[in-house]
Amino acid sequence: MTREQHPLLYRVLHEWELETGCPMLLNTSLNSRGEPLVNSWEHASAFGRREGIEVL
């Protein structure tokens, strides 16, 4: 990606790197494929049981 291709995204990522020292930003969500995003403790617990992941 270049500044010319995506000026706003380039600026956000550049500012992120200046602020944190990290040249990457990872955007992720907590959900399984085909499932809605986890947005409550009950959903998180069910996700953990289903996926075999400890959710604290």
C-alpha atoms as a PDB file:
ATOM      1  CA  MET A   1       0.000   0.000   0.000  1.00  0.00           C
ATOM      2  CA  THR A   2       1.231   3.447  -0.828  1.00  0.00           C
ATOM      3  CA  ARG A   3       0.249   6.880   0.392  1.00  0.00           C
ATOM      4  CA  GLU A   4      -1.181   7.598  -3.052  1.00  0.00           C
ATOM      5  CA  GLN A   5      -3.379   4.490  -3.043  1.00  0.00           C
ATOM      6  CA  HIS A   6      -4.920   4.977   0.418  1.00  0.00           C
ATOM      7  CA  PRO A   7      -3.951   8.332   1.935  1.00  0.00           C
ATOM      8  CA  LEU A   8      -6.161   8.122   5.033  1.00  0.00           C
ATOM      9  CA  LEU A   9      -5.209   4.558   5.938  1.00  0.00           C
ATOM     10  CA  TYR A  10      -1.554   5.353   5.281  1.00  0.00           C
ATOM     11  CA  ARG A  11      -1.761   8.300   7.665  1.00  0.00           C
ATOM     12  CA  VAL A  12      -3.475   6.250  10.392  1.00  0.00           C
ATOM     13  CA  LEU A  13      -0.852   3.509  10.170  1.00  0.00           C
ATOM     14  CA  HIS A  14       1.989   6.016  10.054  1.00  0.00           C
ATOM     15  CA  GLU A  15       0.671   7.855  13.118  1.00  0.00           C
ATOM     16  CA  TRP A  16       0.204   4.519  14.909  1.00  0.00           C
ATOM     17  CA  GLU A  17       3.845   3.629  14.281  1.00  0.00           C
ATOM     18  CA  LEU A  18       5.041   7.038  15.468  1.00  0.00           C
ATOM     19  CA  GLU A  19       2.951   6.766  18.634  1.00  0.00           C
ATOM     20  CA  THR A  20       3.708   3.145  19.536  1.00  0.00           C
ATOM     21  CA  GLY A  21       6.935   2.266  17.730  1.00  0.00           C
ATOM     22  CA  CYS A  22       5.119  -0.706  16.218  1.00  0.00           C
ATOM     23  CA  PRO A  23       4.903  -0.715  12.396  1.00  0.00           C
ATOM     24  CA  MET A  24       1.819  -2.960  12.325  1.00  0.00           C
ATOM     25  CA  LEU A  25      -1.759  -2.699  13.482  1.00  0.00           C
ATOM     26  CA  LEU A  26      -3.831  -5.881  13.776  1.00  0.00           C
ATOM     27  CA  ASN A  27      -7.579  -5.598  13.672  1.00  0.00           C
ATOM     28  CA  THR A  28      -9.297  -8.764  14.774  1.00  0.00           C
ATOM     29  CA  SER A  29     -12.599  -9.887  16.172  1.00  0.00           C
ATOM     30  CA  LEU A  30     -13.583 -12.616  18.580  1.00  0.00           C
ATOM     31  CA  ASN A  31     -15.894 -14.988  16.783  1.00  0.00           C
ATOM     32  CA  SER A  32     -15.931 -18.271  14.931  1.00  0.00           C
ATOM     33  CA  ARG A  33     -16.563 -18.454  11.230  1.00  0.00           C
ATOM     34  CA  GLY A  34     -20.254 -17.968  10.535  1.00  0.00           C
ATOM     35  CA  GLU A  35     -20.962 -16.821  14.105  1.00  0.00           C
ATOM     36  CA  PRO A  36     -21.746 -13.281  15.270  1.00  0.00           C
ATOM     37  CA  LEU A  37     -19.120 -11.268  17.125  1.00  0.00           C
ATOM     38  CA  VAL A  38     -18.757 -12.085  20.799  1.00  0.00           C
ATOM     39  CA  ASN A  39     -20.278  -9.194  22.740  1.00  0.00           C
ATOM     40  CA  SER A  40     -21.117 -10.615  26.171  1.00  0.00           C
ATOM     41  CA  TRP A  41     -19.561 -12.826  28.819  1.00  0.00           C
ATOM     42  CA  GLU A  42     -22.042 -15.582  27.962  1.00  0.00           C
ATOM     43  CA  HIS A  43     -21.018 -15.486  24.303  1.00  0.00           C
ATOM     44  CA  ALA A  44     -17.332 -15.425  25.278  1.00  0.00           C
ATOM     45  CA  SER A  45     -17.756 -18.446  27.535  1.00  0.00           C
ATOM     46  CA  ALA A  46     -19.614 -20.363  24.826  1.00  0.00           C
ATOM     47  CA  PHE A  47     -16.912 -19.418  22.319  1.00  0.00           C
ATOM     48  CA  GLY A  48     -14.212 -20.702  24.674  1.00  0.00           C
ATOM     49  CA  ARG A  49     -15.944 -24.010  25.234  1.00  0.00           C
ATOM     50  CA  ARG A  50     -16.653 -24.487  21.539  1.00  0.00           C
ATOM     51  CA  GLU A  51     -13.129 -23.570  20.403  1.00  0.00           C
ATOM     52  CA  GLY A  52     -11.233 -25.088  23.327  1.00  0.00           C
ATOM     53  CA  ILE A  53      -9.797 -21.705  24.338  1.00  0.00           C
ATOM     54  CA  GLU A  54      -9.540 -20.449  27.917  1.00  0.00           C
ATOM     55  CA  VAL A  55     -11.481 -17.204  28.160  1.00  0.00           C
ATOM     56  CA  LEU A  56     -10.763 -15.148  31.273  1.00  0.00           C
END
